[in-house]
Amino acid sequence: MTPATAKAIDISELEDLGRATLQIVHDLKNQLNGIKLYATFLRKRFDSENRPSEEREILAKLIDGLDRAAREMTTLVRYSRPVELRRRRANLRKIVLEAALSSNSEALEPAFNGEFDPDALSEAFRFLTQHAVSHSSSRDRNQITVHLNRSGVTTSPEAMVEWRAEFDNRSHPFGSDHKYESVHAALATRIIEAHGGRIEFSSDAIRAWLPLSD
């Protein structure tokens, strides 16, 4: 008996699905913004009427939740589009430090120069730090250590940024497919790859490699 042939992927169907999904996300975001306007109006009324603090706290949490959902949708829309970079010669070590990450690189060490988009990489590093925190056993940002080292050969120098933490022994939070559980981690991966780099989600760390110019 001849096995059934797998149906070929229709790229046009995927593109149509992607466009439809983006439209749905756009519409949902508009609805969330409308709900937020009503919630903000109610919060102002509650403040003026001196309503119980519990009611005002619940409303504040509702508004925060709407803001988070809107940010997630914005990230999803950005992930669906090509990554556009504004490269310039920059020191990667400075980008790591300005992204509020710790580094084991001493201030007197040579610069990690390359052609980078500092804003895009800073955002990617923040996303990856958040991803590490959310999957660490303590959920504590202070327990995440970030290291910056040189790697590669002389003709093709690279910098490696590594996120480490203590994890729950019952799971492997940085499994190879785990980045797809977070649209932020997926977008960070695309930003790293757009710079000509690569990223690895292993059982004990996140590692990102980026090419250096010298």
C-alpha atoms as a PDB file:
ATOM      1  CA  MET A   1       0.000   0.000   0.000  1.00  0.00           C
ATOM      2  CA  THR A   2       1.445   3.342  -1.047  1.00  0.00           C
ATOM      3  CA  PRO A   3       1.641   5.845   1.829  1.00  0.00           C
ATOM      4  CA  ALA A   4      -0.240   9.087   1.417  1.00  0.00           C
ATOM      5  CA  THR A   5       1.846  11.966   0.175  1.00  0.00           C
ATOM      6  CA  ALA A   6       2.119  14.881   2.594  1.00  0.00           C
ATOM      7  CA  LYS A   7       0.381  17.983   1.323  1.00  0.00           C
ATOM      8  CA  ALA A   8       2.837  20.637   0.214  1.00  0.00           C
ATOM      9  CA  ILE A   9       2.782  23.851   2.197  1.00  0.00           C
ATOM     10  CA  ASP A  10       0.952  26.581   0.308  1.00  0.00           C
ATOM     11  CA  ILE A  11       2.916  29.769   0.949  1.00  0.00           C
ATOM     12  CA  SER A  12       0.078  31.957  -0.288  1.00  0.00           C
ATOM     13  CA  GLU A  13      -2.283  30.374   2.246  1.00  0.00           C
ATOM     14  CA  LEU A  14       0.184  31.082   5.049  1.00  0.00           C
ATOM     15  CA  GLU A  15       0.527  34.685   3.888  1.00  0.00           C
ATOM     16  CA  ASP A  16      -3.257  35.090   3.833  1.00  0.00           C
ATOM     17  CA  LEU A  17      -3.471  33.599   7.318  1.00  0.00           C
ATOM     18  CA  GLY A  18      -0.760  35.958   8.539  1.00  0.00           C
ATOM     19  CA  ARG A  19      -2.516  39.022   7.133  1.00  0.00           C
ATOM     20  CA  ALA A  20      -5.841  37.938   8.626  1.00  0.00           C
ATOM     21  CA  THR A  21      -4.201  37.328  12.001  1.00  0.00           C
ATOM     22  CA  LEU A  22      -2.607  40.771  11.988  1.00  0.00           C
ATOM     23  CA  GLN A  23      -5.963  42.372  11.219  1.00  0.00           C
ATOM     24  CA  ILE A  24      -7.571  40.486  14.100  1.00  0.00           C
ATOM     25  CA  VAL A  25      -4.771  41.544  16.443  1.00  0.00           C
ATOM     26  CA  HIS A  26      -5.156  45.157  15.297  1.00  0.00           C
ATOM     27  CA  ASP A  27      -8.916  45.067  15.923  1.00  0.00           C
ATOM     28  CA  LEU A  28      -8.469  43.461  19.345  1.00  0.00           C
ATOM     29  CA  LYS A  29      -5.923  46.091  20.324  1.00  0.00           C
ATOM     30  CA  ASN A  30      -8.363  48.851  19.369  1.00  0.00           C
ATOM     31  CA  GLN A  31     -11.047  47.205  21.512  1.00  0.00           C
ATOM     32  CA  LEU A  32      -8.658  46.954  24.454  1.00  0.00           C
ATOM     33  CA  ASN A  33      -7.803  50.631  24.098  1.00  0.00           C
ATOM     34  CA  GLY A  34     -11.523  51.434  24.174  1.00  0.00           C
ATOM     35  CA  ILE A  35     -12.003  49.399  27.348  1.00  0.00           C
ATOM     36  CA  LYS A  36      -9.000  51.147  28.881  1.00  0.00           C
ATOM     37  CA  LEU A  37     -10.575  54.550  28.183  1.00  0.00           C
ATOM     38  CA  TYR A  38     -13.725  53.528  30.053  1.00  0.00           C
ATOM     39  CA  ALA A  39     -11.664  52.079  32.906  1.00  0.00           C
ATOM     40  CA  THR A  40      -9.592  55.271  33.148  1.00  0.00           C
ATOM     41  CA  PHE A  41     -12.793  57.330  33.242  1.00  0.00           C
ATOM     42  CA  LEU A  42     -14.125  55.158  36.070  1.00  0.00           C
ATOM     43  CA  ARG A  43     -10.842  55.460  37.981  1.00  0.00           C
ATOM     44  CA  LYS A  44     -11.044  59.253  37.874  1.00  0.00           C
ATOM     45  CA  ARG A  45     -14.645  59.112  39.079  1.00  0.00           C
ATOM     46  CA  PHE A  46     -13.711  56.697  41.864  1.00  0.00           C
ATOM     47  CA  ASP A  47     -10.929  59.054  42.962  1.00  0.00           C
ATOM     48  CA  SER A  48     -13.258  62.061  43.003  1.00  0.00           C
ATOM     49  CA  GLU A  49     -15.947  60.153  44.916  1.00  0.00           C
ATOM     50  CA  ASN A  50     -13.449  58.766  47.417  1.00  0.00           C
ATOM     51  CA  ARG A  51     -14.549  55.188  46.758  1.00  0.00           C
ATOM     52  CA  PRO A  52     -13.093  52.335  48.864  1.00  0.00           C
ATOM     53  CA  SER A  53      -9.418  51.625  48.225  1.00  0.00           C
ATOM     54  CA  GLU A  54     -10.196  48.000  47.279  1.00  0.00           C
ATOM     55  CA  GLU A  55     -12.355  49.131  44.356  1.00  0.00           C
ATOM     56  CA  ARG A  56      -9.707  51.561  43.141  1.00  0.00           C
ATOM     57  CA  GLU A  57      -7.016  48.890  43.451  1.00  0.00           C
ATOM     58  CA  ILE A  58      -9.045  46.419  41.376  1.00  0.00           C
ATOM     59  CA  LEU A  59      -9.558  49.051  38.686  1.00  0.00           C
ATOM     60  CA  ALA A  60      -5.841  49.880  38.656  1.00  0.00           C
ATOM     61  CA  LYS A  61      -5.006  46.180  38.184  1.00  0.00           C
ATOM     62  CA  LEU A  62      -7.508  45.993  35.327  1.00  0.00           C
ATOM     63  CA  ILE A  63      -5.839  48.932  33.568  1.00  0.00           C
ATOM     64  CA  ASP A  64      -2.379  47.401  34.086  1.00  0.00           C
ATOM     65  CA  GLY A  65      -3.620  44.131  32.600  1.00  0.00           C
ATOM     66  CA  LEU A  66      -5.021  45.916  29.564  1.00  0.00           C
ATOM     67  CA  ASP A  67      -1.695  47.708  29.081  1.00  0.00           C
ATOM     68  CA  ARG A  68       0.215  44.415  29.225  1.00  0.00           C
ATOM     69  CA  ALA A  69      -2.116  42.788  26.721  1.00  0.00           C
ATOM     70  CA  ALA A  70      -1.738  45.748  24.345  1.00  0.00           C
ATOM     71  CA  ARG A  71       2.061  45.544  24.605  1.00  0.00           C
ATOM     72  CA  GLU A  72       1.977  41.813  23.838  1.00  0.00           C
ATOM     73  CA  MET A  73      -0.113  42.465  20.744  1.00  0.00           C
ATOM     74  CA  THR A  74       2.246  45.216  19.601  1.00  0.00           C
ATOM     75  CA  THR A  75       5.174  42.811  19.952  1.00  0.00           C
ATOM     76  CA  LEU A  76       3.284  40.163  17.967  1.00  0.00           C
ATOM     77  CA  VAL A  77       2.708  42.630  15.124  1.00  0.00           C
ATOM     78  CA  ARG A  78       6.389  43.586  15.148  1.00  0.00           C
ATOM     79  CA  TYR A  79       7.413  39.924  15.081  1.00  0.00           C
ATOM     80  CA  SER A  80       5.375  39.401  11.918  1.00  0.00           C
ATOM     81  CA  ARG A  81       7.302  42.103  10.062  1.00  0.00           C
ATOM     82  CA  PRO A  82      10.913  42.142   8.819  1.00  0.00           C
ATOM     83  CA  VAL A  83      13.450  43.436  11.335  1.00  0.00           C
ATOM     84  CA  GLU A  84      14.818  46.808  10.239  1.00  0.00           C
ATOM     85  CA  LEU A  85      18.147  47.805  11.757  1.00  0.00           C
ATOM     86  CA  ARG A  86      19.948  51.128  11.978  1.00  0.00           C
ATOM     87  CA  ARG A  87      23.498  49.903  12.272  1.00  0.00           C
ATOM     88  CA  ARG A  88      26.454  51.948  13.367  1.00  0.00           C
ATOM     89  CA  ARG A  89      29.793  51.183  14.930  1.00  0.00           C
ATOM     90  CA  ALA A  90      29.125  50.600  18.618  1.00  0.00           C
ATOM     91  CA  ASN A  91      30.622  48.952  21.684  1.00  0.00           C
ATOM     92  CA  LEU A  92      28.595  45.862  22.581  1.00  0.00           C
ATOM     93  CA  ARG A  93      29.854  45.926  26.177  1.00  0.00           C
ATOM     94  CA  LYS A  94      28.368  49.406  26.579  1.00  0.00           C
ATOM     95  CA  ILE A  95      25.044  48.216  25.138  1.00  0.00           C
ATOM     96  CA  VAL A  96      24.971  45.311  27.603  1.00  0.00           C
ATOM     97  CA  LEU A  97      25.672  47.597  30.553  1.00  0.00           C
ATOM     98  CA  GLU A  98      23.170  50.256  29.466  1.00  0.00           C
ATOM     99  CA  ALA A  99      20.499  47.569  29.133  1.00  0.00           C
ATOM    100  CA  ALA A 100      20.791  47.228  32.944  1.00  0.00           C
ATOM    101  CA  LEU A 101      22.500  43.846  32.713  1.00  0.00           C
ATOM    102  CA  SER A 102      25.406  42.718  34.840  1.00  0.00           C
ATOM    103  CA  SER A 103      28.620  41.751  33.085  1.00  0.00           C
ATOM    104  CA  ASN A 104      31.821  40.042  34.135  1.00  0.00           C
ATOM    105  CA  SER A 105      33.814  42.256  31.763  1.00  0.00           C
ATOM    106  CA  GLU A 106      36.058  44.743  33.502  1.00  0.00           C
ATOM    107  CA  ALA A 107      35.793  48.405  32.569  1.00  0.00           C
ATOM    108  CA  LEU A 108      39.409  48.476  31.375  1.00  0.00           C
ATOM    109  CA  GLU A 109      39.014  45.593  28.933  1.00  0.00           C
ATOM    110  CA  PRO A 110      39.097  46.360  25.184  1.00  0.00           C
ATOM    111  CA  ALA A 111      35.822  47.376  23.611  1.00  0.00           C
ATOM    112  CA  PHE A 112      33.602  44.816  21.881  1.00  0.00           C
ATOM    113  CA  ASN A 113      33.160  46.842  18.692  1.00  0.00           C
ATOM    114  CA  GLY A 114      30.870  45.892  15.842  1.00  0.00           C
ATOM    115  CA  GLU A 115      28.171  47.136  13.490  1.00  0.00           C
ATOM    116  CA  PHE A 116      25.100  47.126  15.729  1.00  0.00           C
ATOM    117  CA  ASP A 117      21.746  48.794  16.203  1.00  0.00           C
ATOM    118  CA  PRO A 118      22.097  49.739  19.898  1.00  0.00           C
ATOM    119  CA  ASP A 119      18.389  50.366  20.459  1.00  0.00           C
ATOM    120  CA  ALA A 120      17.329  47.073  18.886  1.00  0.00           C
ATOM    121  CA  LEU A 121      19.941  45.057  20.779  1.00  0.00           C
ATOM    122  CA  SER A 122      19.096  46.754  24.082  1.00  0.00           C
ATOM    123  CA  GLU A 123      15.488  45.745  23.590  1.00  0.00           C
ATOM    124  CA  ALA A 124      16.474  42.175  22.683  1.00  0.00           C
ATOM    125  CA  PHE A 125      18.685  41.898  25.776  1.00  0.00           C
ATOM    126  CA  ARG A 126      15.874  43.143  28.018  1.00  0.00           C
ATOM    127  CA  PHE A 127      13.463  40.632  26.483  1.00  0.00           C
ATOM    128  CA  LEU A 128      15.919  37.774  27.033  1.00  0.00           C
ATOM    129  CA  THR A 129      16.525  38.859  30.619  1.00  0.00           C
ATOM    130  CA  GLN A 130      12.768  38.858  31.248  1.00  0.00           C
ATOM    131  CA  HIS A 131      12.570  35.404  29.667  1.00  0.00           C
ATOM    132  CA  ALA A 132      15.325  34.138  31.958  1.00  0.00           C
ATOM    133  CA  VAL A 133      13.640  35.605  35.046  1.00  0.00           C
ATOM    134  CA  SER A 134      10.243  34.126  34.181  1.00  0.00           C
ATOM    135  CA  HIS A 135      11.740  30.625  33.912  1.00  0.00           C
ATOM    136  CA  SER A 136      14.118  30.722  36.861  1.00  0.00           C
ATOM    137  CA  SER A 137      13.166  28.856  40.021  1.00  0.00           C
ATOM    138  CA  SER A 138      13.225  32.021  42.151  1.00  0.00           C
ATOM    139  CA  ARG A 139      11.621  34.422  39.623  1.00  0.00           C
ATOM    140  CA  ASP A 140      14.132  36.921  41.021  1.00  0.00           C
ATOM    141  CA  ARG A 141      15.964  39.282  38.659  1.00  0.00           C
ATOM    142  CA  ASN A 142      18.882  39.463  41.088  1.00  0.00           C
ATOM    143  CA  GLN A 143      19.480  35.727  40.645  1.00  0.00           C
ATOM    144  CA  ILE A 144      20.110  36.112  36.906  1.00  0.00           C
ATOM    145  CA  THR A 145      23.782  36.524  35.999  1.00  0.00           C
ATOM    146  CA  VAL A 146      24.781  37.894  32.608  1.00  0.00           C
ATOM    147  CA  HIS A 147      28.286  37.456  31.221  1.00  0.00           C
ATOM    148  CA  LEU A 148      29.988  38.951  28.172  1.00  0.00           C
ATOM    149  CA  ASN A 149      33.006  37.179  26.673  1.00  0.00           C
ATOM    150  CA  ARG A 150      34.970  36.994  23.460  1.00  0.00           C
ATOM    151  CA  SER A 151      34.815  33.843  21.384  1.00  0.00           C
ATOM    152  CA  GLY A 152      35.541  32.704  17.851  1.00  0.00           C
ATOM    153  CA  VAL A 153      38.812  32.824  15.940  1.00  0.00           C
ATOM    154  CA  THR A 154      40.955  35.853  15.172  1.00  0.00           C
ATOM    155  CA  THR A 155      39.649  36.134  11.616  1.00  0.00           C
ATOM    156  CA  SER A 156      36.004  35.900  12.731  1.00  0.00           C
ATOM    157  CA  PRO A 157      35.782  37.345  16.248  1.00  0.00           C
ATOM    158  CA  GLU A 158      32.525  37.016  18.138  1.00  0.00           C
ATOM    159  CA  ALA A 159      31.077  38.162  21.418  1.00  0.00           C
ATOM    160  CA  MET A 160      29.004  35.796  23.523  1.00  0.00           C
ATOM    161  CA  VAL A 161      26.366  37.120  25.909  1.00  0.00           C
ATOM    162  CA  GLU A 162      25.241  34.483  28.395  1.00  0.00           C
ATOM    163  CA  TRP A 163      22.305  34.482  30.825  1.00  0.00           C
ATOM    164  CA  ARG A 164      22.504  32.003  33.716  1.00  0.00           C
ATOM    165  CA  ALA A 165      20.244  31.217  36.661  1.00  0.00           C
ATOM    166  CA  GLU A 166      19.163  28.425  38.979  1.00  0.00           C
ATOM    167  CA  PHE A 167      16.236  26.499  37.565  1.00  0.00           C
ATOM    168  CA  ASP A 168      13.600  24.134  38.803  1.00  0.00           C
ATOM    169  CA  ASN A 169      15.098  20.628  38.560  1.00  0.00           C
ATOM    170  CA  ARG A 170      11.772  19.229  37.403  1.00  0.00           C
ATOM    171  CA  SER A 171      11.961  20.958  34.031  1.00  0.00           C
ATOM    172  CA  HIS A 172      14.320  22.386  31.455  1.00  0.00           C
ATOM    173  CA  PRO A 173      13.064  25.962  31.073  1.00  0.00           C
ATOM    174  CA  PHE A 174      15.544  26.835  28.345  1.00  0.00           C
ATOM    175  CA  GLY A 175      14.759  23.914  26.052  1.00  0.00           C
ATOM    176  CA  SER A 176      15.435  24.510  22.347  1.00  0.00           C
ATOM    177  CA  ASP A 177      11.773  25.183  21.559  1.00  0.00           C
ATOM    178  CA  HIS A 178      11.035  27.172  24.716  1.00  0.00           C
ATOM    179  CA  LYS A 179      11.584  30.552  23.065  1.00  0.00           C
ATOM    180  CA  TYR A 180       8.356  30.097  21.136  1.00  0.00           C
ATOM    181  CA  GLU A 181       6.377  30.234  24.373  1.00  0.00           C
ATOM    182  CA  SER A 182       7.237  33.944  24.544  1.00  0.00           C
ATOM    183  CA  VAL A 183       6.730  36.305  21.636  1.00  0.00           C
ATOM    184  CA  HIS A 184       9.280  38.617  23.273  1.00  0.00           C
ATOM    185  CA  ALA A 185      11.957  35.901  23.253  1.00  0.00           C
ATOM    186  CA  ALA A 186      11.047  35.058  19.655  1.00  0.00           C
ATOM    187  CA  LEU A 187      11.396  38.717  18.627  1.00  0.00           C
ATOM    188  CA  ALA A 188      14.717  38.957  20.489  1.00  0.00           C
ATOM    189  CA  THR A 189      15.915  35.917  18.530  1.00  0.00           C
ATOM    190  CA  ARG A 190      15.020  37.599  15.247  1.00  0.00           C
ATOM    191  CA  ILE A 191      16.873  40.776  16.255  1.00  0.00           C
ATOM    192  CA  ILE A 192      20.001  38.769  17.141  1.00  0.00           C
ATOM    193  CA  GLU A 193      19.824  36.845  13.859  1.00  0.00           C
ATOM    194  CA  ALA A 194      19.291  40.060  11.867  1.00  0.00           C
ATOM    195  CA  HIS A 195      22.681  41.195  13.205  1.00  0.00           C
ATOM    196  CA  GLY A 196      24.267  38.066  11.745  1.00  0.00           C
ATOM    197  CA  GLY A 197      24.310  36.384  15.136  1.00  0.00           C
ATOM    198  CA  ARG A 198      22.775  33.245  16.564  1.00  0.00           C
ATOM    199  CA  ILE A 199      21.130  32.241  19.809  1.00  0.00           C
ATOM    200  CA  GLU A 200      20.894  29.061  21.849  1.00  0.00           C
ATOM    201  CA  PHE A 201      18.307  28.162  24.494  1.00  0.00           C
ATOM    202  CA  SER A 202      19.852  25.294  26.468  1.00  0.00           C
ATOM    203  CA  SER A 203      18.848  23.538  29.682  1.00  0.00           C
ATOM    204  CA  ASP A 204      20.997  25.825  31.824  1.00  0.00           C
ATOM    205  CA  ALA A 205      21.426  29.124  29.981  1.00  0.00           C
ATOM    206  CA  ILE A 206      20.621  31.431  27.108  1.00  0.00           C
ATOM    207  CA  ARG A 207      23.608  32.211  24.890  1.00  0.00           C
ATOM    208  CA  ALA A 208      23.754  34.764  22.102  1.00  0.00           C
ATOM    209  CA  TRP A 209      26.694  35.201  19.730  1.00  0.00           C
ATOM    210  CA  LEU A 210      27.227  38.402  17.747  1.00  0.00           C
ATOM    211  CA  PRO A 211      29.961  39.156  15.187  1.00  0.00           C
ATOM    212  CA  LEU A 212      32.588  41.753  16.057  1.00  0.00           C
ATOM    213  CA  SER A 213      34.452  43.963  13.613  1.00  0.00           C
ATOM    214  CA  ASP A 214      37.779  43.798  15.452  1.00  0.00           C
END
